[in-house]
């Protein structure tokens, strides 16, 4: 069907697609690390929970925010992961658990 719609369309298999996505991910991850290393001051982290209404899967998105010397706000999503129970940010006692987990993760990398 796609070759009829667009004669220049080239079908690719799953393995090259996976390779390309992982290569792009690694490139963007390294770029984000360089940007965060150049931050002149504090880096603030925000957390946003999201759940799929279709599958009831829950996710958390962690975003880093910082300001460059030119006073421009910068932000990067640094993690988007499956959120397994019992970790949630709606309960103050679980906030401590999340902060502990993040500290251990960032200090070990």
N, C-alpha and C. Protein backbone atom coordinates (compact mmCIF):
# COMPACT_ATOMS: atom_id res chain seq x y z
N UNK A 1 0.82 -1.18 0.00
CA UNK A 1 0.00 0.00 0.00
C UNK A 1 0.88 1.26 0.00
N UNK A 2 1.92 1.29 0.82
CA UNK A 2 2.76 2.49 0.90
C UNK A 2 3.54 2.72 -0.40
N UNK A 3 3.95 1.63 -1.07
CA UNK A 3 4.68 1.81 -2.32
C UNK A 3 3.77 2.42 -3.40
N UNK A 4 2.47 2.18 -3.30
CA UNK A 4 1.52 2.79 -4.24
C UNK A 4 1.35 4.27 -3.89
N UNK A 5 1.21 4.56 -2.60
CA UNK A 5 1.02 5.94 -2.16
C UNK A 5 2.26 6.79 -2.39
N UNK A 6 3.42 6.19 -2.20
CA UNK A 6 4.67 6.92 -2.39
C UNK A 6 5.69 5.98 -3.03
N UNK A 7 5.97 6.15 -4.31
CA UNK A 7 6.89 5.25 -5.00
C UNK A 7 8.30 5.24 -4.39
N UNK A 8 8.68 6.29 -3.66
CA UNK A 8 10.01 6.35 -3.05
C UNK A 8 10.06 5.66 -1.68
N UNK A 9 8.94 5.14 -1.21
CA UNK A 9 8.88 4.49 0.09
C UNK A 9 9.74 3.23 0.10
N UNK A 10 10.56 3.09 1.15
CA UNK A 10 11.39 1.91 1.31
C UNK A 10 11.01 1.23 2.62
N UNK A 11 10.55 0.02 2.54
CA UNK A 11 10.16 -0.74 3.72
C UNK A 11 11.41 -1.19 4.49
N UNK A 12 11.38 -1.06 5.80
CA UNK A 12 12.51 -1.53 6.60
C UNK A 12 12.00 -2.57 7.58
N UNK A 13 12.91 -3.43 7.99
CA UNK A 13 12.53 -4.47 8.95
C UNK A 13 12.64 -3.94 10.37
N UNK A 14 12.20 -4.75 11.31
CA UNK A 14 12.17 -4.35 12.71
C UNK A 14 13.57 -4.11 13.28
N UNK A 15 14.53 -4.96 12.95
CA UNK A 15 15.87 -4.83 13.54
C UNK A 15 16.56 -3.51 13.18
N UNK A 16 16.56 -3.09 11.92
CA UNK A 16 17.14 -1.77 11.63
C UNK A 16 16.40 -0.63 12.32
N UNK A 17 15.08 -0.76 12.46
CA UNK A 17 14.31 0.28 13.14
C UNK A 17 14.71 0.36 14.61
N UNK A 18 14.84 -0.80 15.26
CA UNK A 18 15.26 -0.83 16.67
C UNK A 18 16.66 -0.24 16.81
N UNK A 19 17.56 -0.62 15.92
CA UNK A 19 18.94 -0.10 15.97
C UNK A 19 18.95 1.41 15.83
N UNK A 20 18.17 1.94 14.88
CA UNK A 20 18.14 3.38 14.66
C UNK A 20 17.56 4.13 15.86
N UNK A 21 16.50 3.59 16.46
CA UNK A 21 15.89 4.23 17.62
C UNK A 21 16.86 4.25 18.79
N UNK A 22 17.54 3.12 19.04
CA UNK A 22 18.51 3.07 20.14
C UNK A 22 19.70 3.99 19.89
N UNK A 23 20.13 4.11 18.64
CA UNK A 23 21.23 5.01 18.30
C UNK A 23 20.81 6.47 18.53
N UNK A 24 19.59 6.81 18.13
CA UNK A 24 19.08 8.16 18.35
C UNK A 24 18.94 8.45 19.84
N UNK A 25 18.46 7.46 20.59
CA UNK A 25 18.33 7.61 22.05
C UNK A 25 19.70 7.90 22.68
N UNK A 26 20.71 7.13 22.32
CA UNK A 26 22.05 7.31 22.89
C UNK A 26 22.61 8.70 22.55
N UNK A 27 22.37 9.14 21.33
CA UNK A 27 22.84 10.47 20.91
C UNK A 27 22.16 11.56 21.72
N UNK A 28 20.84 11.47 21.89
CA UNK A 28 20.11 12.47 22.67
C UNK A 28 20.46 12.41 24.15
N UNK A 29 20.69 11.21 24.68
CA UNK A 29 21.09 11.07 26.09
C UNK A 29 22.42 11.76 26.32
N UNK A 30 23.39 11.55 25.43
CA UNK A 30 24.70 12.18 25.58
C UNK A 30 24.60 13.70 25.44
N UNK A 31 23.74 14.14 24.54
CA UNK A 31 23.53 15.59 24.38
C UNK A 31 22.94 16.20 25.65
N UNK A 32 21.96 15.52 26.24
CA UNK A 32 21.33 16.01 27.47
C UNK A 32 22.35 16.06 28.61
N UNK A 33 23.21 15.06 28.72
CA UNK A 33 24.24 15.06 29.76
C UNK A 33 25.18 16.25 29.61
N UNK A 34 25.56 16.56 28.37
CA UNK A 34 26.44 17.70 28.13
C UNK A 34 25.75 19.01 28.50
N UNK A 35 24.48 19.13 28.14
CA UNK A 35 23.73 20.34 28.48
C UNK A 35 23.61 20.52 29.99
N UNK A 36 23.32 19.44 30.71
CA UNK A 36 23.20 19.52 32.16
C UNK A 36 24.54 19.86 32.80
N UNK A 37 25.63 19.35 32.25
CA UNK A 37 26.95 19.64 32.80
C UNK A 37 27.31 21.12 32.65
N UNK A 38 26.76 21.79 31.64
CA UNK A 38 27.04 23.20 31.41
C UNK A 38 26.15 24.14 32.22
N UNK A 39 25.17 23.59 32.93
CA UNK A 39 24.26 24.44 33.70
C UNK A 39 25.05 25.23 34.74
N UNK A 40 24.91 26.56 34.74
CA UNK A 40 25.73 27.39 35.62
C UNK A 40 25.29 27.40 37.08
N UNK A 41 24.10 26.90 37.36
CA UNK A 41 23.60 26.94 38.73
C UNK A 41 22.90 25.66 39.10
N UNK A 42 21.87 25.83 39.89
CA UNK A 42 21.11 24.68 40.35
C UNK A 42 20.26 24.10 39.24
N UNK A 43 20.02 22.81 39.34
CA UNK A 43 19.11 22.11 38.43
C UNK A 43 17.93 21.63 39.27
N UNK A 44 16.74 22.00 38.86
CA UNK A 44 15.53 21.59 39.57
C UNK A 44 14.89 20.43 38.82
N UNK A 45 14.41 19.45 39.56
CA UNK A 45 13.73 18.31 38.97
C UNK A 45 12.25 18.39 39.26
N UNK A 46 11.44 18.12 38.24
CA UNK A 46 10.00 18.02 38.43
C UNK A 46 9.56 16.63 38.00
N UNK A 47 8.50 16.16 38.62
CA UNK A 47 7.98 14.82 38.36
C UNK A 47 6.53 14.96 37.93
N UNK A 48 6.16 14.20 36.93
CA UNK A 48 4.77 14.21 36.47
C UNK A 48 4.32 12.78 36.25
N UNK A 49 3.25 12.39 36.93
CA UNK A 49 2.70 11.05 36.76
C UNK A 49 1.70 11.07 35.61
N UNK A 50 1.64 9.96 34.89
CA UNK A 50 0.70 9.83 33.79
C UNK A 50 0.23 8.39 33.73
N UNK A 51 -1.05 8.19 33.49
CA UNK A 51 -1.50 6.82 33.29
C UNK A 51 -2.34 6.73 32.03
N UNK A 52 -2.22 5.58 31.38
CA UNK A 52 -2.95 5.32 30.16
C UNK A 52 -4.36 4.87 30.51
N UNK A 53 -5.34 5.55 29.96
CA UNK A 53 -6.72 5.17 30.25
C UNK A 53 -7.09 3.85 29.57
N UNK A 54 -6.30 3.43 28.60
CA UNK A 54 -6.62 2.20 27.88
C UNK A 54 -6.00 0.96 28.54
N UNK A 55 -4.80 1.10 29.06
CA UNK A 55 -4.10 -0.07 29.63
C UNK A 55 -3.95 0.01 31.14
N UNK A 56 -4.25 1.17 31.74
CA UNK A 56 -4.05 1.42 33.17
C UNK A 56 -2.58 1.32 33.59
N UNK A 57 -1.67 1.40 32.64
CA UNK A 57 -0.25 1.47 32.98
C UNK A 57 0.06 2.88 33.47
N UNK A 58 0.97 2.97 34.44
CA UNK A 58 1.34 4.28 34.98
C UNK A 58 2.80 4.56 34.67
N UNK A 59 3.08 5.82 34.42
CA UNK A 59 4.42 6.25 34.06
C UNK A 59 4.78 7.49 34.86
N UNK A 60 6.08 7.74 34.95
CA UNK A 60 6.55 8.98 35.56
C UNK A 60 7.53 9.63 34.59
N UNK A 61 7.41 10.92 34.47
CA UNK A 61 8.31 11.70 33.63
C UNK A 61 9.11 12.62 34.55
N UNK A 62 10.41 12.55 34.46
CA UNK A 62 11.29 13.41 35.27
C UNK A 62 11.93 14.43 34.34
N UNK A 63 11.73 15.71 34.65
CA UNK A 63 12.23 16.78 33.82
C UNK A 63 13.20 17.64 34.62
N UNK A 64 14.33 17.97 34.01
CA UNK A 64 15.32 18.86 34.63
C UNK A 64 15.09 20.27 34.08
N UNK A 65 15.13 21.28 34.98
CA UNK A 65 14.96 22.69 34.61
C UNK A 65 16.16 23.46 35.15
N UNK A 66 16.68 24.37 34.34
CA UNK A 66 17.76 25.23 34.80
C UNK A 66 17.74 26.51 33.97
N UNK A 67 18.47 27.52 34.44
CA UNK A 67 18.50 28.81 33.76
C UNK A 67 19.94 29.09 33.34
N UNK A 68 20.12 29.43 32.06
CA UNK A 68 21.43 29.83 31.57
C UNK A 68 21.73 31.26 32.00
N UNK A 69 22.97 31.68 31.81
CA UNK A 69 23.36 33.04 32.20
C UNK A 69 22.56 34.10 31.48
N UNK A 70 22.06 33.79 30.28
CA UNK A 70 21.25 34.76 29.55
C UNK A 70 19.80 34.78 30.04
N UNK A 71 19.55 34.13 31.16
CA UNK A 71 18.25 34.09 31.84
C UNK A 71 17.17 33.35 31.05
N UNK A 72 17.61 32.46 30.16
CA UNK A 72 16.65 31.65 29.40
C UNK A 72 16.44 30.32 30.13
N UNK A 73 15.19 30.01 30.36
CA UNK A 73 14.84 28.75 31.02
C UNK A 73 15.08 27.59 30.06
N UNK A 74 15.77 26.58 30.53
CA UNK A 74 16.04 25.38 29.76
C UNK A 74 15.35 24.20 30.45
N UNK A 75 14.94 23.22 29.68
CA UNK A 75 14.37 22.02 30.29
C UNK A 75 14.61 20.83 29.37
N UNK A 76 14.82 19.69 30.01
CA UNK A 76 15.05 18.43 29.29
C UNK A 76 14.35 17.32 30.05
N UNK A 77 13.67 16.45 29.32
CA UNK A 77 13.15 15.24 29.93
C UNK A 77 14.33 14.30 30.09
N UNK A 78 14.59 13.91 31.35
CA UNK A 78 15.74 13.05 31.58
C UNK A 78 15.36 11.60 31.85
N UNK A 79 14.08 11.36 32.08
CA UNK A 79 13.65 9.98 32.31
C UNK A 79 12.14 9.87 32.13
N UNK A 80 11.72 8.85 31.45
CA UNK A 80 10.30 8.54 31.28
C UNK A 80 10.20 7.03 31.48
N UNK A 81 9.69 6.63 32.64
CA UNK A 81 9.74 5.21 32.98
C UNK A 81 8.39 4.70 33.49
N UNK A 82 8.25 3.40 33.41
CA UNK A 82 7.09 2.71 33.96
C UNK A 82 7.11 2.89 35.47
N UNK A 83 5.99 3.26 36.02
CA UNK A 83 5.90 3.50 37.46
C UNK A 83 5.21 2.32 38.11
N UNK A 84 5.99 1.52 38.79
CA UNK A 84 5.41 0.34 39.43
C UNK A 84 5.07 0.68 40.88
N UNK A 85 3.99 0.11 41.40
CA UNK A 85 3.62 0.36 42.80
C UNK A 85 4.72 -0.11 43.73
N UNK A 86 4.91 0.40 44.91
CA UNK A 86 4.08 1.39 45.58
C UNK A 86 4.61 2.81 45.44
N UNK A 87 5.51 3.07 44.50
CA UNK A 87 6.07 4.43 44.40
C UNK A 87 5.06 5.35 43.76
N UNK A 88 4.74 6.42 44.46
CA UNK A 88 3.87 7.46 43.94
C UNK A 88 4.29 8.78 44.57
N UNK A 89 3.99 9.86 43.93
CA UNK A 89 4.36 11.17 44.46
C UNK A 89 3.18 11.89 45.09
N UNK A 90 2.05 11.22 45.18
CA UNK A 90 0.88 11.84 45.80
C UNK A 90 0.88 11.71 47.31
N UNK A 91 1.78 10.94 47.86
CA UNK A 91 1.85 10.71 49.30
C UNK A 91 3.24 11.16 49.77
N UNK A 92 3.29 12.03 50.75
CA UNK A 92 4.55 12.62 51.19
C UNK A 92 5.58 11.57 51.62
N UNK A 93 5.15 10.48 52.24
CA UNK A 93 6.12 9.48 52.69
C UNK A 93 6.80 8.81 51.50
N UNK A 94 6.11 8.70 50.37
CA UNK A 94 6.72 8.10 49.19
C UNK A 94 7.66 9.07 48.49
N UNK A 95 7.48 10.36 48.72
CA UNK A 95 8.42 11.33 48.15
C UNK A 95 9.83 11.06 48.64
N UNK A 96 9.98 10.73 49.93
CA UNK A 96 11.30 10.44 50.48
C UNK A 96 11.90 9.23 49.79
N UNK A 97 11.07 8.22 49.52
CA UNK A 97 11.56 7.01 48.83
C UNK A 97 12.04 7.37 47.43
N UNK A 98 11.27 8.19 46.72
CA UNK A 98 11.64 8.58 45.37
C UNK A 98 12.93 9.38 45.36
N UNK A 99 13.09 10.32 46.27
CA UNK A 99 14.31 11.11 46.35
C UNK A 99 15.50 10.21 46.66
N UNK A 100 15.35 9.27 47.57
CA UNK A 100 16.42 8.34 47.90
C UNK A 100 16.82 7.53 46.66
N UNK A 101 15.83 7.02 45.93
CA UNK A 101 16.11 6.23 44.72
C UNK A 101 16.83 7.08 43.68
N UNK A 102 16.40 8.32 43.49
CA UNK A 102 17.04 9.20 42.51
C UNK A 102 18.47 9.53 42.90
N UNK A 103 18.70 9.80 44.19
CA UNK A 103 20.06 10.12 44.63
C UNK A 103 20.98 8.95 44.36
N UNK A 104 20.52 7.74 44.69
CA UNK A 104 21.34 6.55 44.45
C UNK A 104 21.60 6.35 42.96
N UNK A 105 20.59 6.60 42.14
CA UNK A 105 20.74 6.42 40.69
C UNK A 105 21.75 7.41 40.12
N UNK A 106 21.62 8.70 40.47
CA UNK A 106 22.48 9.70 39.88
C UNK A 106 23.91 9.64 40.42
N UNK A 107 24.08 9.22 41.66
CA UNK A 107 25.43 9.13 42.21
C UNK A 107 26.16 7.89 41.70
N UNK A 108 25.40 6.88 41.24
CA UNK A 108 26.05 5.66 40.77
C UNK A 108 26.44 5.73 39.31
N UNK A 109 25.92 6.72 38.56
CA UNK A 109 26.23 6.83 37.13
C UNK A 109 27.33 7.81 36.86
